[in-house]
């Protein structure tokens, strides 16, 4: 399963990235409540939310910021 990160949402279109691939997806095709920064899995039947993976990604990014900006 390919995992996409929602970079931004503008004009009812989500701009998503997977490695070096960038795709635009109408928000009507996304799970309800999808926000910028969320991770989505691409399945044969469409996109699914990946809340556990999203939380882990946000946590690791927060830890990285903490380590870079610590005093």
C-alpha atoms as a PDB file:
ATOM      1  CA  UNK A   1       0.000   0.000   0.000  1.00  0.00           C
ATOM      2  CA  UNK A   2       1.314   3.418  -0.936  1.00  0.00           C
ATOM      3  CA  UNK A   3       1.261   6.010   1.837  1.00  0.00           C
ATOM      4  CA  UNK A   4       0.617   9.651   0.952  1.00  0.00           C
ATOM      5  CA  UNK A   5       1.149  12.723   3.105  1.00  0.00           C
ATOM      6  CA  UNK A   6      -1.373  15.550   2.719  1.00  0.00           C
ATOM      7  CA  UNK A   7       0.785  18.605   2.037  1.00  0.00           C
ATOM      8  CA  UNK A   8      -2.025  21.119   1.656  1.00  0.00           C
ATOM      9  CA  UNK A   9      -5.697  21.455   0.805  1.00  0.00           C
ATOM     10  CA  UNK A  10      -6.827  24.252  -1.488  1.00  0.00           C
ATOM     11  CA  UNK A  11     -10.009  24.753  -3.519  1.00  0.00           C
ATOM     12  CA  UNK A  12     -11.388  21.335  -2.476  1.00  0.00           C
ATOM     13  CA  UNK A  13      -8.258  19.574  -3.752  1.00  0.00           C
ATOM     14  CA  UNK A  14      -5.644  17.896  -1.564  1.00  0.00           C
ATOM     15  CA  UNK A  15      -2.046  18.031  -2.760  1.00  0.00           C
ATOM     16  CA  UNK A  16      -0.405  14.823  -1.540  1.00  0.00           C
ATOM     17  CA  UNK A  17       3.144  13.472  -1.677  1.00  0.00           C
ATOM     18  CA  UNK A  18       4.552   9.962  -1.756  1.00  0.00           C
ATOM     19  CA  UNK A  19       8.331   9.920  -2.051  1.00  0.00           C
ATOM     20  CA  UNK A  20       8.952  12.074  -5.151  1.00  0.00           C
ATOM     21  CA  UNK A  21       5.420  11.705  -6.550  1.00  0.00           C
ATOM     22  CA  UNK A  22       2.910  14.528  -6.087  1.00  0.00           C
ATOM     23  CA  UNK A  23      -0.764  13.967  -6.802  1.00  0.00           C
ATOM     24  CA  UNK A  24      -3.900  16.075  -6.524  1.00  0.00           C
ATOM     25  CA  UNK A  25      -6.977  14.411  -5.066  1.00  0.00           C
ATOM     26  CA  UNK A  26     -10.480  15.919  -4.854  1.00  0.00           C
ATOM     27  CA  UNK A  27     -11.420  16.195  -1.177  1.00  0.00           C
ATOM     28  CA  UNK A  28     -14.629  14.321  -1.983  1.00  0.00           C
ATOM     29  CA  UNK A  29     -12.485  11.197  -2.478  1.00  0.00           C
ATOM     30  CA  UNK A  30     -10.757  11.509   0.918  1.00  0.00           C
ATOM     31  CA  UNK A  31     -11.864  10.192   4.302  1.00  0.00           C
ATOM     32  CA  UNK A  32     -14.012  12.630   6.254  1.00  0.00           C
ATOM     33  CA  UNK A  33     -11.967  14.952   8.461  1.00  0.00           C
ATOM     34  CA  UNK A  34      -8.737  14.688   6.464  1.00  0.00           C
ATOM     35  CA  UNK A  35      -6.383  17.580   7.305  1.00  0.00           C
ATOM     36  CA  UNK A  36      -3.008  18.871   6.210  1.00  0.00           C
ATOM     37  CA  UNK A  37      -0.234  16.664   7.589  1.00  0.00           C
ATOM     38  CA  UNK A  38      -2.364  13.508   7.692  1.00  0.00           C
ATOM     39  CA  UNK A  39      -1.114  10.255   6.223  1.00  0.00           C
ATOM     40  CA  UNK A  40      -3.393   8.348   3.860  1.00  0.00           C
ATOM     41  CA  UNK A  41      -3.115   4.844   2.495  1.00  0.00           C
ATOM     42  CA  UNK A  42      -4.049   4.130  -1.132  1.00  0.00           C
ATOM     43  CA  UNK A  43      -6.019   0.913  -1.515  1.00  0.00           C
ATOM     44  CA  UNK A  44      -7.861  -0.626  -4.438  1.00  0.00           C
ATOM     45  CA  UNK A  45     -11.085   0.936  -3.138  1.00  0.00           C
ATOM     46  CA  UNK A  46      -9.674   4.430  -2.513  1.00  0.00           C
ATOM     47  CA  UNK A  47      -7.906   6.262   0.282  1.00  0.00           C
ATOM     48  CA  UNK A  48      -8.015   5.369   3.973  1.00  0.00           C
ATOM     49  CA  UNK A  49      -6.972   7.430   6.981  1.00  0.00           C
ATOM     50  CA  UNK A  50      -3.892   6.225   8.882  1.00  0.00           C
ATOM     51  CA  UNK A  51      -4.306   7.885  12.293  1.00  0.00           C
ATOM     52  CA  UNK A  52      -1.663   5.804  14.108  1.00  0.00           C
ATOM     53  CA  UNK A  53       0.970   6.469  11.448  1.00  0.00           C
ATOM     54  CA  UNK A  54       0.026  10.173  11.389  1.00  0.00           C
ATOM     55  CA  UNK A  55       0.424  10.437  15.168  1.00  0.00           C
ATOM     56  CA  UNK A  56       3.809   8.673  15.032  1.00  0.00           C
ATOM     57  CA  UNK A  57       5.023  10.972  12.251  1.00  0.00           C
ATOM     58  CA  UNK A  58       3.960  14.088  14.163  1.00  0.00           C
ATOM     59  CA  UNK A  59       5.635  12.794  17.329  1.00  0.00           C
ATOM     60  CA  UNK A  60       8.926  12.072  15.547  1.00  0.00           C
ATOM     61  CA  UNK A  61       8.882  15.505  13.879  1.00  0.00           C
ATOM     62  CA  UNK A  62       8.237  17.159  17.262  1.00  0.00           C
ATOM     63  CA  UNK A  63      11.171  15.256  18.797  1.00  0.00           C
ATOM     64  CA  UNK A  64      13.400  16.302  15.900  1.00  0.00           C
ATOM     65  CA  UNK A  65      12.431  19.956  16.354  1.00  0.00           C
ATOM     66  CA  UNK A  66      13.103  19.687  20.069  1.00  0.00           C
ATOM     67  CA  UNK A  67      16.587  18.282  19.456  1.00  0.00           C
ATOM     68  CA  UNK A  68      17.419  20.931  16.847  1.00  0.00           C
ATOM     69  CA  UNK A  69      16.246  23.915  18.874  1.00  0.00           C
ATOM     70  CA  UNK A  70      17.172  22.918  22.394  1.00  0.00           C
ATOM     71  CA  UNK A  71      19.074  25.525  24.361  1.00  0.00           C
END
